[in-house]
Amino acid sequence: MNTRSSRSEGVSLRRIATSLVIIVFIVLTAGGAGYAQRQQPPRLIVTNYTGAVISVSAIVGGVAQGRGDISPGASVPIVPVKNRDRFQAEWQGQSRVKDVELRYDQNYGGLQDAWTVQ
């Protein structure tokens, strides 16, 4: 067996192995970047257990803005939201306030908070 041939085969195998490691690294890195892009938008899930229709508004600078109604027993996502966003629910002379506290939810695949109005 020729020693020179064995060395060149060993060098070629090392080059191939190194190239494969680099390719796998690039694929895994690109896959991770794709995962971050697929993350769901942050949301607040509002569930109405009051027995009445509630009106939900975002509170911006102390002023209610953007009103939406939620039927009794319904759950509605509000997207997108940020930590410390404030919302107010009003119905039949009553009101409640919610400050958003986002946490990662694995089932949803993104940040979310839940608010049960009752």
N, C-alpha and C. Protein backbone atom coordinates (compact mmCIF):
# COMPACT_ATOMS: atom_id res chain seq x y z
N MET A 1 0.84 -1.17 0.00
CA MET A 1 0.00 0.00 0.00
C MET A 1 0.88 1.23 0.00
N ASN A 2 0.53 2.18 -0.75
CA ASN A 2 1.32 3.39 -0.91
C ASN A 2 0.99 4.36 0.21
N THR A 3 1.98 4.81 0.97
CA THR A 3 1.79 5.73 2.08
C THR A 3 1.26 7.06 1.61
N ARG A 4 1.76 7.50 0.47
CA ARG A 4 1.32 8.79 -0.07
C ARG A 4 -0.17 8.75 -0.40
N SER A 5 -0.65 7.67 -0.96
CA SER A 5 -2.06 7.52 -1.30
C SER A 5 -2.92 7.52 -0.03
N SER A 6 -2.48 6.86 1.03
CA SER A 6 -3.23 6.83 2.29
C SER A 6 -3.35 8.21 2.89
N ARG A 7 -2.26 8.98 2.84
CA ARG A 7 -2.29 10.34 3.39
C ARG A 7 -3.26 11.22 2.62
N SER A 8 -3.23 11.15 1.31
CA SER A 8 -4.11 12.00 0.51
C SER A 8 -5.57 11.60 0.70
N GLU A 9 -5.85 10.32 0.87
CA GLU A 9 -7.22 9.88 1.15
C GLU A 9 -7.68 10.41 2.52
N GLY A 10 -6.78 10.37 3.51
CA GLY A 10 -7.10 10.88 4.85
C GLY A 10 -7.37 12.36 4.83
N VAL A 11 -6.56 13.11 4.06
CA VAL A 11 -6.76 14.55 3.94
C VAL A 11 -8.09 14.82 3.24
N SER A 12 -8.40 14.09 2.19
CA SER A 12 -9.67 14.28 1.47
C SER A 12 -10.86 13.99 2.38
N LEU A 13 -10.78 12.92 3.17
CA LEU A 13 -11.87 12.59 4.09
C LEU A 13 -12.04 13.68 5.14
N ARG A 14 -10.91 14.25 5.62
CA ARG A 14 -11.00 15.34 6.59
C ARG A 14 -11.67 16.56 5.96
N ARG A 15 -11.32 16.87 4.75
CA ARG A 15 -11.93 18.02 4.05
C ARG A 15 -13.43 17.82 3.87
N ILE A 16 -13.80 16.62 3.47
CA ILE A 16 -15.23 16.31 3.29
C ILE A 16 -15.95 16.43 4.63
N ALA A 17 -15.38 15.86 5.68
CA ALA A 17 -16.01 15.92 7.01
C ALA A 17 -16.14 17.36 7.48
N THR A 18 -15.08 18.16 7.29
CA THR A 18 -15.13 19.57 7.69
C THR A 18 -16.20 20.32 6.90
N SER A 19 -16.27 20.05 5.62
CA SER A 19 -17.29 20.70 4.78
C SER A 19 -18.69 20.33 5.24
N LEU A 20 -18.90 19.06 5.57
CA LEU A 20 -20.21 18.62 6.05
C LEU A 20 -20.59 19.31 7.37
N VAL A 21 -19.63 19.43 8.25
CA VAL A 21 -19.89 20.11 9.53
C VAL A 21 -20.29 21.56 9.29
N ILE A 22 -19.61 22.23 8.38
CA ILE A 22 -19.93 23.63 8.07
C ILE A 22 -21.33 23.72 7.46
N ILE A 23 -21.66 22.82 6.54
CA ILE A 23 -22.99 22.83 5.91
C ILE A 23 -24.08 22.59 6.95
N VAL A 24 -23.88 21.62 7.83
CA VAL A 24 -24.87 21.34 8.88
C VAL A 24 -25.04 22.55 9.79
N PHE A 25 -23.95 23.19 10.14
CA PHE A 25 -24.02 24.39 10.99
C PHE A 25 -24.84 25.49 10.31
N ILE A 26 -24.59 25.71 9.03
CA ILE A 26 -25.32 26.75 8.29
C ILE A 26 -26.81 26.42 8.23
N VAL A 27 -27.14 25.17 7.96
CA VAL A 27 -28.54 24.76 7.88
C VAL A 27 -29.22 24.94 9.23
N LEU A 28 -28.56 24.53 10.32
CA LEU A 28 -29.16 24.68 11.64
C LEU A 28 -29.33 26.15 12.02
N THR A 29 -28.35 26.97 11.68
CA THR A 29 -28.45 28.39 11.97
C THR A 29 -29.59 29.02 11.19
N ALA A 30 -29.71 28.70 9.93
CA ALA A 30 -30.79 29.23 9.10
C ALA A 30 -32.13 28.74 9.61
N GLY A 31 -32.21 27.50 10.05
CA GLY A 31 -33.45 26.96 10.61
C GLY A 31 -33.86 27.69 11.86
N GLY A 32 -32.91 28.06 12.71
CA GLY A 32 -33.21 28.81 13.92
C GLY A 32 -33.72 30.19 13.61
N ALA A 33 -33.16 30.83 12.60
CA ALA A 33 -33.62 32.16 12.19
C ALA A 33 -35.03 32.07 11.65
N GLY A 34 -35.33 31.01 10.90
CA GLY A 34 -36.68 30.82 10.38
C GLY A 34 -37.68 30.61 11.49
N TYR A 35 -37.29 29.92 12.54
CA TYR A 35 -38.19 29.68 13.66
C TYR A 35 -38.57 31.00 14.33
N ALA A 36 -37.57 31.86 14.51
CA ALA A 36 -37.84 33.15 15.15
C ALA A 36 -38.81 33.97 14.31
N GLN A 37 -38.74 33.85 13.01
CA GLN A 37 -39.63 34.60 12.13
C GLN A 37 -41.04 34.03 12.16
N ARG A 38 -41.20 32.76 12.46
CA ARG A 38 -42.52 32.13 12.47
C ARG A 38 -43.24 32.29 13.79
N GLN A 39 -42.62 32.91 14.79
CA GLN A 39 -43.25 33.06 16.09
C GLN A 39 -44.52 33.89 15.95
N GLN A 40 -45.55 33.47 16.66
CA GLN A 40 -46.85 34.14 16.61
C GLN A 40 -46.75 35.54 17.23
N PRO A 41 -47.62 36.47 16.79
CA PRO A 41 -47.58 37.82 17.36
C PRO A 41 -48.08 37.83 18.81
N PRO A 42 -47.57 38.73 19.64
CA PRO A 42 -48.03 38.82 21.03
C PRO A 42 -49.52 39.14 21.08
N ARG A 43 -50.24 38.48 22.00
CA ARG A 43 -51.69 38.69 22.07
C ARG A 43 -52.20 38.66 23.50
N LEU A 44 -53.38 39.25 23.64
CA LEU A 44 -54.14 39.20 24.89
C LEU A 44 -55.45 38.50 24.56
N ILE A 45 -55.76 37.43 25.28
CA ILE A 45 -57.03 36.73 25.11
C ILE A 45 -57.99 37.24 26.18
N VAL A 46 -59.09 37.85 25.74
CA VAL A 46 -60.10 38.37 26.66
C VAL A 46 -61.29 37.42 26.64
N THR A 47 -61.65 36.89 27.82
CA THR A 47 -62.80 36.00 27.95
C THR A 47 -63.85 36.68 28.80
N ASN A 48 -65.07 36.73 28.29
CA ASN A 48 -66.17 37.41 28.97
C ASN A 48 -67.05 36.43 29.72
N TYR A 49 -66.97 36.44 31.07
CA TYR A 49 -67.84 35.62 31.92
C TYR A 49 -68.79 36.48 32.75
N THR A 50 -69.16 37.66 32.22
CA THR A 50 -70.01 38.56 32.99
C THR A 50 -71.49 38.26 32.83
N GLY A 51 -71.87 37.57 31.77
CA GLY A 51 -73.28 37.36 31.48
C GLY A 51 -73.88 38.51 30.68
N ALA A 52 -73.08 39.51 30.36
CA ALA A 52 -73.53 40.66 29.57
C ALA A 52 -72.47 40.96 28.49
N VAL A 53 -72.86 41.71 27.48
CA VAL A 53 -71.90 42.16 26.47
C VAL A 53 -70.97 43.17 27.14
N ILE A 54 -69.66 43.02 26.93
CA ILE A 54 -68.70 43.98 27.48
C ILE A 54 -68.08 44.78 26.33
N SER A 55 -67.73 46.02 26.61
CA SER A 55 -66.99 46.86 25.68
C SER A 55 -65.56 46.96 26.17
N VAL A 56 -64.62 46.60 25.31
CA VAL A 56 -63.20 46.62 25.67
C VAL A 56 -62.52 47.73 24.88
N SER A 57 -61.71 48.52 25.59
CA SER A 57 -60.96 49.62 24.97
C SER A 57 -59.51 49.56 25.41
N ALA A 58 -58.63 50.03 24.54
CA ALA A 58 -57.23 50.25 24.91
C ALA A 58 -57.16 51.59 25.63
N ILE A 59 -56.38 51.67 26.68
CA ILE A 59 -56.20 52.92 27.41
C ILE A 59 -54.83 53.48 27.02
N VAL A 60 -54.84 54.62 26.34
CA VAL A 60 -53.60 55.24 25.87
C VAL A 60 -53.55 56.65 26.44
N GLY A 61 -52.55 56.92 27.26
CA GLY A 61 -52.43 58.25 27.89
C GLY A 61 -53.62 58.57 28.77
N GLY A 62 -54.20 57.54 29.39
CA GLY A 62 -55.33 57.74 30.29
C GLY A 62 -56.67 57.87 29.57
N VAL A 63 -56.68 57.73 28.24
CA VAL A 63 -57.92 57.90 27.46
C VAL A 63 -58.27 56.59 26.75
N ALA A 64 -59.54 56.18 26.86
CA ALA A 64 -60.00 54.97 26.19
C ALA A 64 -60.03 55.19 24.68
N GLN A 65 -59.45 54.23 23.95
CA GLN A 65 -59.42 54.33 22.48
C GLN A 65 -59.74 52.98 21.87
N GLY A 66 -60.45 52.99 20.74
CA GLY A 66 -60.71 51.75 20.01
C GLY A 66 -61.59 50.80 20.78
N ARG A 67 -62.86 50.96 20.69
CA ARG A 67 -63.81 50.15 21.45
C ARG A 67 -64.28 48.94 20.64
N GLY A 68 -64.36 47.79 21.31
CA GLY A 68 -64.89 46.57 20.68
C GLY A 68 -65.76 45.82 21.67
N ASP A 69 -66.82 45.20 21.17
CA ASP A 69 -67.74 44.46 22.04
C ASP A 69 -67.42 42.96 22.02
N ILE A 70 -67.60 42.33 23.20
CA ILE A 70 -67.40 40.88 23.34
C ILE A 70 -68.65 40.30 23.98
N SER A 71 -69.23 39.31 23.32
CA SER A 71 -70.45 38.66 23.80
C SER A 71 -70.18 37.81 25.03
N PRO A 72 -71.22 37.55 25.84
CA PRO A 72 -71.06 36.69 27.02
C PRO A 72 -70.56 35.29 26.61
N GLY A 73 -69.59 34.79 27.34
CA GLY A 73 -69.05 33.45 27.09
C GLY A 73 -68.02 33.38 25.98
N ALA A 74 -67.78 34.48 25.29
CA ALA A 74 -66.83 34.47 24.16
C ALA A 74 -65.42 34.81 24.61
N SER A 75 -64.44 34.27 23.87
CA SER A 75 -63.02 34.61 24.06
C SER A 75 -62.54 35.24 22.76
N VAL A 76 -61.87 36.39 22.89
CA VAL A 76 -61.42 37.14 21.72
C VAL A 76 -59.95 37.50 21.88
N PRO A 77 -59.12 37.20 20.84
CA PRO A 77 -57.72 37.62 20.90
C PRO A 77 -57.57 39.07 20.45
N ILE A 78 -56.73 39.82 21.15
CA ILE A 78 -56.37 41.17 20.74
C ILE A 78 -54.89 41.12 20.35
N VAL A 79 -54.62 41.45 19.09
CA VAL A 79 -53.28 41.31 18.52
C VAL A 79 -52.94 42.57 17.74
N PRO A 80 -51.73 43.08 17.79
CA PRO A 80 -50.64 42.75 18.71
C PRO A 80 -50.75 43.59 19.97
N VAL A 81 -50.15 43.13 21.03
CA VAL A 81 -50.08 43.88 22.28
C VAL A 81 -48.64 43.89 22.77
N LYS A 82 -48.36 44.78 23.73
CA LYS A 82 -47.02 44.86 24.34
C LYS A 82 -47.19 44.77 25.85
N ASN A 83 -46.11 44.41 26.53
CA ASN A 83 -46.11 44.42 27.99
C ASN A 83 -46.53 45.80 28.47
N ARG A 84 -47.33 45.83 29.50
CA ARG A 84 -47.82 47.05 30.16
C ARG A 84 -48.86 47.81 29.34
N ASP A 85 -49.30 47.27 28.18
CA ASP A 85 -50.46 47.88 27.53
C ASP A 85 -51.63 47.76 28.50
N ARG A 86 -52.50 48.74 28.51
CA ARG A 86 -53.63 48.74 29.44
C ARG A 86 -54.94 48.68 28.66
N PHE A 87 -55.84 47.83 29.16
CA PHE A 87 -57.17 47.68 28.56
C PHE A 87 -58.23 47.84 29.64
N GLN A 88 -59.40 48.29 29.21
CA GLN A 88 -60.52 48.46 30.14
C GLN A 88 -61.75 47.78 29.56
N ALA A 89 -62.45 47.04 30.41
CA ALA A 89 -63.73 46.42 30.04
C ALA A 89 -64.83 47.12 30.82
N GLU A 90 -65.92 47.45 30.13
CA GLU A 90 -67.07 48.11 30.77
C GLU A 90 -68.36 47.39 30.40
N TRP A 91 -69.26 47.28 31.37
CA TRP A 91 -70.58 46.69 31.14
C TRP A 91 -71.50 47.07 32.29
N GLN A 92 -72.72 47.37 32.00
CA GLN A 92 -73.77 47.64 32.99
C GLN A 92 -73.28 48.42 34.21
N GLY A 93 -72.58 49.52 33.97
CA GLY A 93 -72.11 50.38 35.05
C GLY A 93 -70.89 49.86 35.79
N GLN A 94 -70.32 48.76 35.37
CA GLN A 94 -69.11 48.22 36.01
C GLN A 94 -67.93 48.34 35.05
N SER A 95 -66.73 48.27 35.61
CA SER A 95 -65.53 48.28 34.75
C SER A 95 -64.39 47.55 35.44
N ARG A 96 -63.50 47.03 34.63
CA ARG A 96 -62.28 46.37 35.08
C ARG A 96 -61.14 46.85 34.19
N VAL A 97 -59.92 46.86 34.76
CA VAL A 97 -58.73 47.29 34.02
C VAL A 97 -57.72 46.15 34.04
N LYS A 98 -57.01 45.98 32.92
CA LYS A 98 -55.99 44.93 32.79
C LYS A 98 -54.72 45.53 32.23
N ASP A 99 -53.59 45.29 32.91
CA ASP A 99 -52.26 45.63 32.39
C ASP A 99 -51.65 44.34 31.84
N VAL A 100 -51.27 44.34 30.59
CA VAL A 100 -50.76 43.14 29.92
C VAL A 100 -49.43 42.72 30.51
N GLU A 101 -49.30 41.43 30.80
CA GLU A 101 -48.06 40.81 31.27
C GLU A 101 -47.80 39.59 30.38
N LEU A 102 -47.03 39.78 29.34
CA LEU A 102 -46.80 38.71 28.35
C LEU A 102 -45.87 37.64 28.89
N ARG A 103 -46.23 36.39 28.58
CA ARG A 103 -45.40 35.23 28.90
C ARG A 103 -45.43 34.31 27.68
N TYR A 104 -44.34 33.58 27.47
CA TYR A 104 -44.29 32.68 26.33
C TYR A 104 -45.22 31.50 26.57
N ASP A 105 -46.06 31.20 25.59
CA ASP A 105 -46.96 30.05 25.65
C ASP A 105 -46.55 29.08 24.55
N GLN A 106 -46.08 27.92 24.95
CA GLN A 106 -45.57 26.93 24.00
C GLN A 106 -46.67 26.44 23.06
N ASN A 107 -47.88 26.26 23.58
CA ASN A 107 -48.99 25.79 22.73
C ASN A 107 -49.34 26.81 21.66
N TYR A 108 -49.30 28.09 22.01
CA TYR A 108 -49.59 29.16 21.05
C TYR A 108 -48.41 29.41 20.12
N GLY A 109 -47.21 29.28 20.66
CA GLY A 109 -46.01 29.55 19.86
C GLY A 109 -45.61 31.00 19.88
N GLY A 110 -45.93 31.69 20.97
CA GLY A 110 -45.59 33.09 21.08
C GLY A 110 -45.94 33.63 22.46
N LEU A 111 -45.79 34.95 22.61
CA LEU A 111 -46.10 35.60 23.87
C LEU A 111 -47.59 35.88 23.96
N GLN A 112 -48.15 35.67 25.15
CA GLN A 112 -49.56 35.98 25.33
C GLN A 112 -49.88 36.20 26.80
N ASP A 113 -51.03 36.81 27.01
CA ASP A 113 -51.60 37.01 28.34
C ASP A 113 -53.09 36.67 28.21
N ALA A 114 -53.71 36.30 29.31
CA ALA A 114 -55.13 35.99 29.31
C ALA A 114 -55.82 36.83 30.36
N TRP A 115 -57.04 37.27 30.03
CA TRP A 115 -57.82 38.12 30.93
C TRP A 115 -59.24 37.59 30.96
N THR A 116 -59.66 37.11 32.11
CA THR A 116 -61.04 36.68 32.29
C THR A 116 -61.79 37.78 33.00
N VAL A 117 -62.78 38.35 32.31
CA VAL A 117 -63.58 39.43 32.89
C VAL A 117 -64.84 38.78 33.47
N GLN A 118 -65.04 39.00 34.80
CA GLN A 118 -66.22 38.43 35.47
C GLN A 118 -66.73 39.33 36.58
